[in-house]
Amino acid sequence: MSHLDEVTARVDAAVAESVITHMNELLIELSEDAALSREDRNTQQQRLRNAIAHHGRQHKEDMEARHEQLTRGGTIL
């Protein structure tokens, strides 16, 4: 397995796990990975950035839906 394949598998696992801390750590680690070409490194980092952004949007939507459910009709249930 090539280094790029290993990195891709790690990124896949981090995205599937959906833990922001782990994705950020891998993002930083990739910044310093001299074994990858700039293009490959940027591609994998962009995948992580997209997953982090999606996670943030999903969390916000979930919190808004929860707030709406708890305050139906202007009263806290």
PDB file of N, CA and C in Angstrom:
ATOM      1  N   MET A   1       0.848  -1.173   0.000  1.00  0.00           N
ATOM      2  CA  MET A   1       0.000   0.000   0.000  1.00  0.00           C
ATOM      3  C   MET A   1       0.897   1.240   0.000  1.00  0.00           C
ATOM      4  N   SER A   2       0.590   2.159  -0.918  1.00  0.00           N
ATOM      5  CA  SER A   2       1.387   3.374  -1.007  1.00  0.00           C
ATOM      6  C   SER A   2       1.041   4.330   0.134  1.00  0.00           C
ATOM      7  N   HIS A   3       1.903   5.304   0.310  1.00  0.00           N
ATOM      8  CA  HIS A   3       1.685   6.289   1.373  1.00  0.00           C
ATOM      9  C   HIS A   3       0.380   7.053   1.123  1.00  0.00           C
ATOM     10  N   LEU A   4       0.119   7.394  -0.137  1.00  0.00           N
ATOM     11  CA  LEU A   4      -1.121   8.099  -0.472  1.00  0.00           C
ATOM     12  C   LEU A   4      -2.337   7.239  -0.116  1.00  0.00           C
ATOM     13  N   ASP A   5      -2.266   5.936  -0.399  1.00  0.00           N
ATOM     14  CA  ASP A   5      -3.374   5.033  -0.048  1.00  0.00           C
ATOM     15  C   ASP A   5      -3.590   4.990   1.461  1.00  0.00           C
ATOM     16  N   GLU A   6      -2.496   4.968   2.214  1.00  0.00           N
ATOM     17  CA  GLU A   6      -2.597   4.956   3.681  1.00  0.00           C
ATOM     18  C   GLU A   6      -3.232   6.252   4.192  1.00  0.00           C
ATOM     19  N   VAL A   7      -2.793   7.370   3.641  1.00  0.00           N
ATOM     20  CA  VAL A   7      -3.342   8.666   4.049  1.00  0.00           C
ATOM     21  C   VAL A   7      -4.823   8.749   3.689  1.00  0.00           C
ATOM     22  N   THR A   8      -5.165   8.301   2.496  1.00  0.00           N
ATOM     23  CA  THR A   8      -6.565   8.313   2.063  1.00  0.00           C
ATOM     24  C   THR A   8      -7.420   7.463   2.994  1.00  0.00           C
ATOM     25  N   ALA A   9      -6.916   6.306   3.389  1.00  0.00           N
ATOM     26  CA  ALA A   9      -7.650   5.436   4.313  1.00  0.00           C
ATOM     27  C   ALA A   9      -7.820   6.107   5.674  1.00  0.00           C
ATOM     28  N   ARG A  10      -6.791   6.805   6.143  1.00  0.00           N
ATOM     29  CA  ARG A  10      -6.890   7.514   7.424  1.00  0.00           C
ATOM     30  C   ARG A  10      -7.900   8.651   7.349  1.00  0.00           C
ATOM     31  N   VAL A  11      -7.904   9.364   6.230  1.00  0.00           N
ATOM     32  CA  VAL A  11      -8.872  10.447   6.043  1.00  0.00           C
ATOM     33  C   VAL A  11     -10.284   9.862   5.984  1.00  0.00           C
ATOM     34  N   ASP A  12     -10.460   8.771   5.249  1.00  0.00           N
ATOM     35  CA  ASP A  12     -11.765   8.105   5.188  1.00  0.00           C
ATOM     36  C   ASP A  12     -12.250   7.725   6.579  1.00  0.00           C
ATOM     37  N   ALA A  13     -11.357   7.164   7.383  1.00  0.00           N
ATOM     38  CA  ALA A  13     -11.719   6.743   8.738  1.00  0.00           C
ATOM     39  C   ALA A  13     -12.075   7.940   9.613  1.00  0.00           C
ATOM     40  N   ALA A  14     -11.318   9.024   9.500  1.00  0.00           N
ATOM     41  CA  ALA A  14     -11.582  10.221  10.298  1.00  0.00           C
ATOM     42  C   ALA A  14     -12.925  10.843   9.910  1.00  0.00           C
ATOM     43  N   VAL A  15     -13.222  10.870   8.622  1.00  0.00           N
ATOM     44  CA  VAL A  15     -14.493  11.419   8.152  1.00  0.00           C
ATOM     45  C   VAL A  15     -15.650  10.539   8.636  1.00  0.00           C
ATOM     46  N   ALA A  16     -15.481   9.233   8.544  1.00  0.00           N
ATOM     47  CA  ALA A  16     -16.532   8.315   8.991  1.00  0.00           C
ATOM     48  C   ALA A  16     -16.759   8.430  10.495  1.00  0.00           C
ATOM     49  N   GLU A  17     -15.691   8.629  11.240  1.00  0.00           N
ATOM     50  CA  GLU A  17     -15.781   8.766  12.694  1.00  0.00           C
ATOM     51  C   GLU A  17     -16.482  10.070  13.078  1.00  0.00           C
ATOM     52  N   SER A  18     -16.286  11.105  12.277  1.00  0.00           N
ATOM     53  CA  SER A  18     -16.937  12.412  12.445  1.00  0.00           C
ATOM     54  C   SER A  18     -16.640  13.063  13.791  1.00  0.00           C
ATOM     55  N   VAL A  19     -15.377  12.988  14.207  1.00  0.00           N
ATOM     56  CA  VAL A  19     -14.928  13.658  15.428  1.00  0.00           C
ATOM     57  C   VAL A  19     -14.023  14.808  14.998  1.00  0.00           C
ATOM     58  N   ILE A  20     -14.478  16.024  15.270  1.00  0.00           N
ATOM     59  CA  ILE A  20     -13.778  17.219  14.815  1.00  0.00           C
ATOM     60  C   ILE A  20     -12.325  17.238  15.270  1.00  0.00           C
ATOM     61  N   THR A  21     -12.078  16.893  16.514  1.00  0.00           N
ATOM     62  CA  THR A  21     -10.718  16.918  17.058  1.00  0.00           C
ATOM     63  C   THR A  21      -9.787  16.038  16.237  1.00  0.00           C
ATOM     64  N   HIS A  22     -10.234  14.833  15.898  1.00  0.00           N
ATOM     65  CA  HIS A  22      -9.387  13.913  15.141  1.00  0.00           C
ATOM     66  C   HIS A  22      -9.161  14.418  13.716  1.00  0.00           C
ATOM     67  N   MET A  23     -10.205  15.014  13.136  1.00  0.00           N
ATOM     68  CA  MET A  23     -10.043  15.550  11.783  1.00  0.00           C
ATOM     69  C   MET A  23      -9.072  16.727  11.783  1.00  0.00           C
ATOM     70  N   ASN A  24      -9.151  17.591  12.796  1.00  0.00           N
ATOM     71  CA  ASN A  24      -8.217  18.719  12.886  1.00  0.00           C
ATOM     72  C   ASN A  24      -6.785  18.248  13.091  1.00  0.00           C
ATOM     73  N   GLU A  25      -6.590  17.242  13.929  1.00  0.00           N
ATOM     74  CA  GLU A  25      -5.242  16.710  14.157  1.00  0.00           C
ATOM     75  C   GLU A  25      -4.665  16.153  12.865  1.00  0.00           C
ATOM     76  N   LEU A  26      -5.488  15.438  12.105  1.00  0.00           N
ATOM     77  CA  LEU A  26      -5.015  14.878  10.838  1.00  0.00           C
ATOM     78  C   LEU A  26      -4.747  15.992   9.832  1.00  0.00           C
ATOM     79  N   LEU A  27      -5.549  17.027   9.852  1.00  0.00           N
ATOM     80  CA  LEU A  27      -5.341  18.181   8.980  1.00  0.00           C
ATOM     81  C   LEU A  27      -3.972  18.799   9.228  1.00  0.00           C
ATOM     82  N   ILE A  28      -3.614  18.966  10.488  1.00  0.00           N
ATOM     83  CA  ILE A  28      -2.303  19.518  10.855  1.00  0.00           C
ATOM     84  C   ILE A  28      -1.182  18.564  10.456  1.00  0.00           C
ATOM     85  N   GLU A  29      -1.393  17.290  10.721  1.00  0.00           N
ATOM     86  CA  GLU A  29      -0.379  16.287  10.376  1.00  0.00           C
ATOM     87  C   GLU A  29      -0.105  16.292   8.866  1.00  0.00           C
ATOM     88  N   LEU A  30      -1.156  16.436   8.074  1.00  0.00           N
ATOM     89  CA  LEU A  30      -0.977  16.453   6.618  1.00  0.00           C
ATOM     90  C   LEU A  30      -0.211  17.687   6.156  1.00  0.00           C
ATOM     91  N   SER A  31      -0.332  18.775   6.885  1.00  0.00           N
ATOM     92  CA  SER A  31       0.390  20.005   6.525  1.00  0.00           C
ATOM     93  C   SER A  31       1.899  19.784   6.517  1.00  0.00           C
ATOM     94  N   GLU A  32       2.342  18.872   7.335  1.00  0.00           N
ATOM     95  CA  GLU A  32       3.777  18.629   7.497  1.00  0.00           C
ATOM     96  C   GLU A  32       4.248  17.360   6.795  1.00  0.00           C
ATOM     97  N   ASP A  33       3.382  16.733   6.001  1.00  0.00           N
ATOM     98  CA  ASP A  33       3.707  15.467   5.341  1.00  0.00           C
ATOM     99  C   ASP A  33       4.440  15.740   4.031  1.00  0.00           C
ATOM    100  N   ALA A  34       5.753  15.636   4.079  1.00  0.00           N
ATOM    101  CA  ALA A  34       6.580  15.907   2.903  1.00  0.00           C
ATOM    102  C   ALA A  34       6.560  14.758   1.896  1.00  0.00           C
ATOM    103  N   ALA A  35       6.053  13.590   2.298  1.00  0.00           N
ATOM    104  CA  ALA A  35       6.025  12.437   1.399  1.00  0.00           C
ATOM    105  C   ALA A  35       4.913  12.544   0.355  1.00  0.00           C
ATOM    106  N   LEU A  36       3.944  13.430   0.581  1.00  0.00           N
ATOM    107  CA  LEU A  36       2.852  13.618  -0.373  1.00  0.00           C
ATOM    108  C   LEU A  36       3.156  14.796  -1.283  1.00  0.00           C
ATOM    109  N   SER A  37       2.649  14.712  -2.507  1.00  0.00           N
ATOM    110  CA  SER A  37       2.773  15.866  -3.386  1.00  0.00           C
ATOM    111  C   SER A  37       1.843  16.958  -2.861  1.00  0.00           C
ATOM    112  N   ARG A  38       2.111  18.174  -3.269  1.00  0.00           N
ATOM    113  CA  ARG A  38       1.276  19.293  -2.812  1.00  0.00           C
ATOM    114  C   ARG A  38      -0.187  19.074  -3.210  1.00  0.00           C
ATOM    115  N   GLU A  39      -0.406  18.597  -4.415  1.00  0.00           N
ATOM    116  CA  GLU A  39      -1.765  18.363  -4.910  1.00  0.00           C
ATOM    117  C   GLU A  39      -2.480  17.287  -4.088  1.00  0.00           C
ATOM    118  N   ASP A  40      -1.794  16.174  -3.821  1.00  0.00           N
ATOM    119  CA  ASP A  40      -2.396  15.092  -3.022  1.00  0.00           C
ATOM    120  C   ASP A  40      -2.691  15.558  -1.601  1.00  0.00           C
ATOM    121  N   ARG A  41      -1.766  16.291  -1.038  1.00  0.00           N
ATOM    122  CA  ARG A  41      -1.949  16.810   0.325  1.00  0.00           C
ATOM    123  C   ARG A  41      -3.157  17.750   0.372  1.00  0.00           C
ATOM    124  N   ASN A  42      -3.237  18.661  -0.589  1.00  0.00           N
ATOM    125  CA  ASN A  42      -4.356  19.601  -0.636  1.00  0.00           C
ATOM    126  C   ASN A  42      -5.687  18.887  -0.839  1.00  0.00           C
ATOM    127  N   THR A  43      -5.706  17.864  -1.665  1.00  0.00           N
ATOM    128  CA  THR A  43      -6.934  17.101  -1.902  1.00  0.00           C
ATOM    129  C   THR A  43      -7.431  16.466  -0.614  1.00  0.00           C
ATOM    130  N   GLN A  44      -6.533  15.833   0.119  1.00  0.00           N
ATOM    131  CA  GLN A  44      -6.930  15.164   1.366  1.00  0.00           C
ATOM    132  C   GLN A  44      -7.333  16.192   2.429  1.00  0.00           C
ATOM    133  N   GLN A  45      -6.621  17.298   2.491  1.00  0.00           N
ATOM    134  CA  GLN A  45      -6.977  18.346   3.457  1.00  0.00           C
ATOM    135  C   GLN A  45      -8.341  18.946   3.119  1.00  0.00           C
ATOM    136  N   GLN A  46      -8.626  19.107   1.844  1.00  0.00           N
ATOM    137  CA  GLN A  46      -9.926  19.664   1.459  1.00  0.00           C
ATOM    138  C   GLN A  46     -11.050  18.706   1.827  1.00  0.00           C
ATOM    139  N   ARG A  47     -10.823  17.430   1.703  1.00  0.00           N
ATOM    140  CA  ARG A  47     -11.834  16.446   2.124  1.00  0.00           C
ATOM    141  C   ARG A  47     -12.126  16.594   3.616  1.00  0.00           C
ATOM    142  N   LEU A  48     -11.073  16.788   4.399  1.00  0.00           N
ATOM    143  CA  LEU A  48     -11.254  16.980   5.838  1.00  0.00           C
ATOM    144  C   LEU A  48     -11.978  18.291   6.131  1.00  0.00           C
ATOM    145  N   ARG A  49     -11.583  19.357   5.450  1.00  0.00           N
ATOM    146  CA  ARG A  49     -12.248  20.652   5.669  1.00  0.00           C
ATOM    147  C   ARG A  49     -13.735  20.576   5.333  1.00  0.00           C
ATOM    148  N   ASN A  50     -14.073  19.899   4.238  1.00  0.00           N
ATOM    149  CA  ASN A  50     -15.479  19.742   3.859  1.00  0.00           C
ATOM    150  C   ASN A  50     -16.255  18.959   4.916  1.00  0.00           C
ATOM    151  N   ALA A  51     -15.647  17.903   5.442  1.00  0.00           N
ATOM    152  CA  ALA A  51     -16.302  17.097   6.477  1.00  0.00           C
ATOM    153  C   ALA A  51     -16.503  17.912   7.748  1.00  0.00           C
ATOM    154  N   ILE A  52     -15.522  18.727   8.102  1.00  0.00           N
ATOM    155  CA  ILE A  52     -15.628  19.568   9.301  1.00  0.00           C
ATOM    156  C   ILE A  52     -16.741  20.596   9.108  1.00  0.00           C
ATOM    157  N   ALA A  53     -16.796  21.214   7.942  1.00  0.00           N
ATOM    158  CA  ALA A  53     -17.843  22.211   7.662  1.00  0.00           C
ATOM    159  C   ALA A  53     -19.218  21.567   7.677  1.00  0.00           C
ATOM    160  N   HIS A  54     -19.332  20.383   7.085  1.00  0.00           N
ATOM    161  CA  HIS A  54     -20.618  19.680   7.076  1.00  0.00           C
ATOM    162  C   HIS A  54     -21.046  19.322   8.493  1.00  0.00           C
ATOM    163  N   HIS A  55     -20.089  18.887   9.280  1.00  0.00           N
ATOM    164  CA  HIS A  55     -20.375  18.533  10.682  1.00  0.00           C
ATOM    165  C   HIS A  55     -20.901  19.749  11.433  1.00  0.00           C
ATOM    166  N   GLY A  56     -20.308  20.907  11.214  1.00  0.00           N
ATOM    167  CA  GLY A  56     -20.743  22.135  11.873  1.00  0.00           C
ATOM    168  C   GLY A  56     -22.149  22.530  11.466  1.00  0.00           C
ATOM    169  N   ARG A  57     -22.438  22.445  10.166  1.00  0.00           N
ATOM    170  CA  ARG A  57     -23.786  22.772   9.692  1.00  0.00           C
ATOM    171  C   ARG A  57     -24.808  21.800  10.263  1.00  0.00           C
ATOM    172  N   GLN A  58     -24.468  20.516  10.275  1.00  0.00           N
ATOM    173  CA  GLN A  58     -25.383  19.496  10.789  1.00  0.00           C
ATOM    174  C   GLN A  58     -25.651  19.725  12.270  1.00  0.00           C
ATOM    175  N   HIS A  59     -24.606  20.053  13.022  1.00  0.00           N
ATOM    176  CA  HIS A  59     -24.763  20.304  14.454  1.00  0.00           C
ATOM    177  C   HIS A  59     -25.683  21.506  14.678  1.00  0.00           C
ATOM    178  N   LYS A  60     -25.481  22.559  13.907  1.00  0.00           N
ATOM    179  CA  LYS A  60     -26.319  23.756  14.043  1.00  0.00           C
ATOM    180  C   LYS A  60     -27.771  23.431  13.724  1.00  0.00           C
ATOM    181  N   GLU A  61     -28.011  22.690  12.647  1.00  0.00           N
ATOM    182  CA  GLU A  61     -29.368  22.313  12.281  1.00  0.00           C
ATOM    183  C   GLU A  61     -30.013  21.444  13.354  1.00  0.00           C
ATOM    184  N   ASP A  62     -29.252  20.526  13.906  1.00  0.00           N
ATOM    185  CA  ASP A  62     -29.770  19.660  14.970  1.00  0.00           C
ATOM    186  C   ASP A  62     -30.147  20.473  16.201  1.00  0.00           C
ATOM    187  N   MET A  63     -29.304  21.437  16.563  1.00  0.00           N
ATOM    188  CA  MET A  63     -29.588  22.257  17.736  1.00  0.00           C
ATOM    189  C   MET A  63     -30.811  23.144  17.506  1.00  0.00           C
ATOM    190  N   GLU A  64     -30.957  23.681  16.306  1.00  0.00           N
ATOM    191  CA  GLU A  64     -32.131  24.501  15.991  1.00  0.00           C
ATOM    192  C   GLU A  64     -33.403  23.667  16.027  1.00  0.00           C
ATOM    193  N   ALA A  65     -33.340  22.453  15.488  1.00  0.00           N
ATOM    194  CA  ALA A  65     -34.503  21.568  15.510  1.00  0.00           C
ATOM    195  C   ALA A  65     -34.852  21.186  16.944  1.00  0.00           C
ATOM    196  N   ARG A  66     -33.853  20.927  17.757  1.00  0.00           N
ATOM    197  CA  ARG A  66     -34.085  20.583  19.162  1.00  0.00           C
ATOM    198  C   ARG A  66     -34.713  21.767  19.894  1.00  0.00           C
ATOM    199  N   HIS A  67     -34.205  22.958  19.653  1.00  0.00           N
ATOM    200  CA  HIS A  67     -34.760  24.153  20.295  1.00  0.00           C
ATOM    201  C   HIS A  67     -36.218  24.343  19.872  1.00  0.00           C
ATOM    202  N   GLU A  68     -36.494  24.177  18.584  1.00  0.00           N
ATOM    203  CA  GLU A  68     -37.856  24.304  18.074  1.00  0.00           C
ATOM    204  C   GLU A  68     -38.785  23.281  18.726  1.00  0.00           C
ATOM    205  N   GLN A  69     -38.300  22.067  18.848  1.00  0.00           N
ATOM    206  CA  GLN A  69     -39.116  21.005  19.461  1.00  0.00           C
ATOM    207  C   GLN A  69     -39.388  21.295  20.930  1.00  0.00           C
ATOM    208  N   LEU A  70     -38.391  21.825  21.632  1.00  0.00           N
ATOM    209  CA  LEU A  70     -38.552  22.080  23.058  1.00  0.00           C
ATOM    210  C   LEU A  70     -39.384  23.320  23.352  1.00  0.00           C
ATOM    211  N   THR A  71     -39.460  24.226  22.400  1.00  0.00           N
ATOM    212  CA  THR A  71     -40.172  25.488  22.653  1.00  0.00           C
ATOM    213  C   THR A  71     -41.393  25.641  21.750  1.00  0.00           C
ATOM    214  N   ARG A  72     -42.017  24.564  21.383  1.00  0.00           N
ATOM    215  CA  ARG A  72     -43.194  24.617  20.522  1.00  0.00           C
ATOM    216  C   ARG A  72     -44.257  25.527  21.117  1.00  0.00           C
ATOM    217  N   GLY A  73     -44.765  26.432  20.311  1.00  0.00           N
ATOM    218  CA  GLY A  73     -45.810  27.331  20.775  1.00  0.00           C
ATOM    219  C   GLY A  73     -45.321  28.395  21.731  1.00  0.00           C
ATOM    220  N   GLY A  74     -44.008  28.627  21.805  1.00  0.00           N
ATOM    221  CA  GLY A  74     -43.453  29.642  22.673  1.00  0.00           C
ATOM    222  C   GLY A  74     -43.327  29.220  24.121  1.00  0.00           C
ATOM    223  N   THR A  75     -43.656  27.983  24.434  1.00  0.00           N
ATOM    224  CA  THR A  75     -43.566  27.482  25.796  1.00  0.00           C
ATOM    225  C   THR A  75     -42.564  26.364  25.871  1.00  0.00           C
ATOM    226  N   ILE A  76     -41.719  26.407  26.860  1.00  0.00           N
ATOM    227  CA  ILE A  76     -40.764  25.325  27.056  1.00  0.00           C
ATOM    228  C   ILE A  76     -41.525  24.121  27.580  1.00  0.00           C
ATOM    229  N   LEU A  77     -41.395  23.013  26.904  1.00  0.00           N
ATOM    230  CA  LEU A  77     -42.118  21.793  27.283  1.00  0.00           C
ATOM    231  C   LEU A  77     -41.402  21.008  28.337  1.00  0.00           C
TER     232      LEU A  77
END
